[in-house]
Amino acid sequence: MADTKDPLSDLDASTRRYRETETAHEQARQTVIADVIAALRAGARPTDVTARSPFTAAYVRKLARDNNIEPAKKGSTR
């Protein structure tokens, strides 16, 4: 018995699902970015922020730089 699934129909369906969720994903990403920035501004350690976010340490540092958040002085605690 031959497989009656149409790969292009499957692709159409998965592409449609992808596009439907793309906006929600981007909105959630922007919310996480805002919360990362708020946490850094409130004095949270970048290490703690990174551990609780979906972002790498390098990206958290970039967000801090892009938003004029000064790095902590060596040996100091906020």
N, C-alpha and C. Protein backbone atom coordinates (compact mmCIF):
# COMPACT_ATOMS: atom_id res chain seq x y z
N MET A 1 0.85 -1.17 0.00
CA MET A 1 0.00 0.00 0.00
C MET A 1 0.90 1.24 0.00
N ALA A 2 0.62 2.16 -0.88
CA ALA A 2 1.44 3.36 -0.99
C ALA A 2 1.03 4.38 0.07
N ASP A 3 2.02 5.16 0.48
CA ASP A 3 1.77 6.22 1.45
C ASP A 3 1.00 7.33 0.75
N THR A 4 -0.16 7.71 1.29
CA THR A 4 -1.00 8.71 0.64
C THR A 4 -0.78 10.11 1.18
N LYS A 5 0.16 10.28 2.11
CA LYS A 5 0.43 11.62 2.64
C LYS A 5 1.11 12.46 1.57
N ASP A 6 0.69 13.69 1.49
CA ASP A 6 1.31 14.62 0.55
C ASP A 6 2.31 15.49 1.32
N PRO A 7 3.59 15.32 1.05
CA PRO A 7 4.60 16.08 1.77
C PRO A 7 4.43 17.60 1.65
N LEU A 8 3.96 18.05 0.51
CA LEU A 8 3.77 19.50 0.33
C LEU A 8 2.60 20.01 1.17
N SER A 9 1.57 19.20 1.33
CA SER A 9 0.46 19.58 2.21
C SER A 9 0.92 19.63 3.66
N ASP A 10 1.76 18.66 4.04
CA ASP A 10 2.32 18.68 5.39
C ASP A 10 3.17 19.93 5.59
N LEU A 11 3.96 20.28 4.59
CA LEU A 11 4.79 21.48 4.67
C LEU A 11 3.92 22.72 4.78
N ASP A 12 2.86 22.79 4.00
CA ASP A 12 1.94 23.93 4.08
C ASP A 12 1.38 24.07 5.50
N ALA A 13 0.98 22.96 6.09
CA ALA A 13 0.39 22.99 7.44
C ALA A 13 1.42 23.41 8.48
N SER A 14 2.62 22.85 8.40
CA SER A 14 3.63 23.22 9.40
C SER A 14 4.09 24.66 9.24
N THR A 15 4.15 25.14 8.02
CA THR A 15 4.51 26.54 7.78
C THR A 15 3.43 27.46 8.33
N ARG A 16 2.19 27.09 8.16
CA ARG A 16 1.07 27.88 8.69
C ARG A 16 1.15 27.95 10.22
N ARG A 17 1.41 26.81 10.87
CA ARG A 17 1.54 26.78 12.33
C ARG A 17 2.73 27.64 12.77
N TYR A 18 3.83 27.56 12.05
CA TYR A 18 5.01 28.36 12.37
C TYR A 18 4.69 29.84 12.32
N ARG A 19 4.03 30.26 11.27
CA ARG A 19 3.70 31.69 11.12
C ARG A 19 2.69 32.15 12.16
N GLU A 20 1.78 31.27 12.56
CA GLU A 20 0.79 31.63 13.57
C GLU A 20 1.45 31.85 14.94
N THR A 21 2.50 31.13 15.24
CA THR A 21 3.14 31.25 16.54
C THR A 21 4.32 32.22 16.55
N GLU A 22 4.76 32.65 15.38
CA GLU A 22 5.92 33.53 15.28
C GLU A 22 5.72 34.86 16.02
N THR A 23 4.57 35.47 15.88
CA THR A 23 4.29 36.75 16.54
C THR A 23 4.28 36.58 18.05
N ALA A 24 3.64 35.53 18.54
CA ALA A 24 3.61 35.29 19.99
C ALA A 24 5.01 35.06 20.53
N HIS A 25 5.84 34.35 19.79
CA HIS A 25 7.21 34.10 20.22
C HIS A 25 8.00 35.40 20.30
N GLU A 26 7.86 36.25 19.30
CA GLU A 26 8.59 37.52 19.30
C GLU A 26 8.12 38.43 20.44
N GLN A 27 6.82 38.42 20.72
CA GLN A 27 6.31 39.22 21.84
C GLN A 27 6.87 38.71 23.16
N ALA A 28 6.93 37.40 23.33
CA ALA A 28 7.50 36.82 24.55
C ALA A 28 8.98 37.16 24.66
N ARG A 29 9.70 37.13 23.55
CA ARG A 29 11.12 37.48 23.55
C ARG A 29 11.33 38.92 23.98
N GLN A 30 10.51 39.83 23.47
CA GLN A 30 10.63 41.24 23.85
C GLN A 30 10.32 41.45 25.33
N THR A 31 9.38 40.69 25.86
CA THR A 31 9.06 40.76 27.29
C THR A 31 10.24 40.28 28.12
N VAL A 32 10.86 39.18 27.71
CA VAL A 32 12.03 38.68 28.44
C VAL A 32 13.16 39.70 28.39
N ILE A 33 13.39 40.32 27.24
CA ILE A 33 14.44 41.34 27.13
C ILE A 33 14.16 42.48 28.10
N ALA A 34 12.93 42.95 28.15
CA ALA A 34 12.58 44.04 29.06
C ALA A 34 12.80 43.63 30.51
N ASP A 35 12.47 42.39 30.85
CA ASP A 35 12.66 41.91 32.22
C ASP A 35 14.15 41.74 32.55
N VAL A 36 14.95 41.32 31.59
CA VAL A 36 16.40 41.22 31.79
C VAL A 36 16.97 42.60 32.09
N ILE A 37 16.59 43.57 31.29
CA ILE A 37 17.07 44.95 31.49
C ILE A 37 16.63 45.48 32.85
N ALA A 38 15.38 45.25 33.20
CA ALA A 38 14.88 45.70 34.51
C ALA A 38 15.64 45.05 35.65
N ALA A 39 15.92 43.76 35.54
CA ALA A 39 16.65 43.07 36.59
C ALA A 39 18.07 43.62 36.72
N LEU A 40 18.73 43.85 35.60
CA LEU A 40 20.08 44.42 35.63
C LEU A 40 20.07 45.82 36.24
N ARG A 41 19.10 46.62 35.85
CA ARG A 41 19.00 47.98 36.40
C ARG A 41 18.72 47.96 37.90
N ALA A 42 18.04 46.94 38.36
CA ALA A 42 17.72 46.82 39.78
C ALA A 42 18.90 46.27 40.58
N GLY A 43 19.98 45.94 39.88
CA GLY A 43 21.18 45.50 40.57
C GLY A 43 21.40 44.00 40.61
N ALA A 44 20.58 43.25 39.90
CA ALA A 44 20.78 41.80 39.87
C ALA A 44 22.10 41.48 39.18
N ARG A 45 22.76 40.44 39.66
CA ARG A 45 24.02 40.04 39.05
C ARG A 45 23.77 39.45 37.67
N PRO A 46 24.58 39.81 36.68
CA PRO A 46 24.41 39.25 35.33
C PRO A 46 24.42 37.72 35.32
N THR A 47 25.20 37.12 36.20
CA THR A 47 25.23 35.66 36.29
C THR A 47 23.86 35.11 36.67
N ASP A 48 23.20 35.76 37.63
CA ASP A 48 21.87 35.33 38.04
C ASP A 48 20.84 35.58 36.94
N VAL A 49 20.97 36.71 36.27
CA VAL A 49 20.04 37.05 35.18
C VAL A 49 20.18 36.01 34.07
N THR A 50 21.41 35.70 33.71
CA THR A 50 21.66 34.72 32.65
C THR A 50 21.08 33.36 33.01
N ALA A 51 21.26 32.95 34.26
CA ALA A 51 20.77 31.64 34.70
C ALA A 51 19.25 31.53 34.62
N ARG A 52 18.56 32.65 34.75
CA ARG A 52 17.10 32.64 34.77
C ARG A 52 16.47 33.03 33.44
N SER A 53 17.31 33.38 32.46
CA SER A 53 16.79 33.79 31.17
C SER A 53 17.16 32.77 30.10
N PRO A 54 16.57 32.87 28.93
CA PRO A 54 16.92 31.96 27.84
C PRO A 54 18.15 32.43 27.06
N PHE A 55 18.81 33.49 27.54
CA PHE A 55 19.89 34.12 26.78
C PHE A 55 21.26 33.72 27.31
N THR A 56 22.25 33.82 26.44
CA THR A 56 23.63 33.56 26.84
C THR A 56 24.17 34.73 27.63
N ALA A 57 25.27 34.49 28.34
CA ALA A 57 25.93 35.57 29.09
C ALA A 57 26.36 36.69 28.16
N ALA A 58 26.85 36.33 26.98
CA ALA A 58 27.30 37.35 26.03
C ALA A 58 26.13 38.24 25.61
N TYR A 59 24.95 37.65 25.39
CA TYR A 59 23.80 38.45 24.97
C TYR A 59 23.30 39.33 26.12
N VAL A 60 23.34 38.82 27.34
CA VAL A 60 22.95 39.63 28.50
C VAL A 60 23.89 40.82 28.63
N ARG A 61 25.19 40.59 28.45
CA ARG A 61 26.15 41.70 28.48
C ARG A 61 25.86 42.71 27.37
N LYS A 62 25.52 42.23 26.19
CA LYS A 62 25.19 43.12 25.07
C LYS A 62 23.96 43.96 25.41
N LEU A 63 22.95 43.33 25.97
CA LEU A 63 21.75 44.08 26.37
C LEU A 63 22.11 45.15 27.39
N ALA A 64 22.97 44.80 28.33
CA ALA A 64 23.40 45.78 29.34
C ALA A 64 24.12 46.95 28.66
N ARG A 65 25.07 46.65 27.80
CA ARG A 65 25.81 47.72 27.10
C ARG A 65 24.87 48.59 26.28
N ASP A 66 23.98 47.95 25.52
CA ASP A 66 23.06 48.68 24.64
C ASP A 66 22.11 49.58 25.42
N ASN A 67 21.94 49.29 26.71
CA ASN A 67 21.02 50.07 27.54
C ASN A 67 21.74 50.87 28.61
N ASN A 68 23.04 51.10 28.38
CA ASN A 68 23.86 51.94 29.25
C ASN A 68 23.85 51.49 30.71
N ILE A 69 23.88 50.20 30.92
CA ILE A 69 23.96 49.65 32.27
C ILE A 69 25.43 49.34 32.50
N GLU A 70 26.00 50.03 33.46
CA GLU A 70 27.43 49.88 33.75
C GLU A 70 27.73 48.51 34.37
N PRO A 71 28.85 47.91 33.98
CA PRO A 71 29.22 46.66 34.63
C PRO A 71 29.62 46.91 36.09
N ALA A 72 29.44 45.91 36.91
CA ALA A 72 29.82 46.02 38.32
C ALA A 72 31.34 46.15 38.42
N LYS A 73 31.79 46.89 39.39
CA LYS A 73 33.23 47.02 39.64
C LYS A 73 33.76 45.69 40.14
N LYS A 74 35.00 45.37 39.79
CA LYS A 74 35.62 44.12 40.24
C LYS A 74 35.62 44.06 41.77
N GLY A 75 35.19 42.93 42.29
CA GLY A 75 35.21 42.72 43.73
C GLY A 75 34.10 43.39 44.50
N SER A 76 33.23 44.12 43.83
CA SER A 76 32.15 44.80 44.55
C SER A 76 30.87 43.99 44.47
N THR A 77 30.02 44.19 45.44
CA THR A 77 28.69 43.60 45.40
C THR A 77 27.70 44.74 45.34
N ARG A 78 26.69 44.54 44.57
CA ARG A 78 25.70 45.60 44.40
C ARG A 78 24.76 45.66 45.55
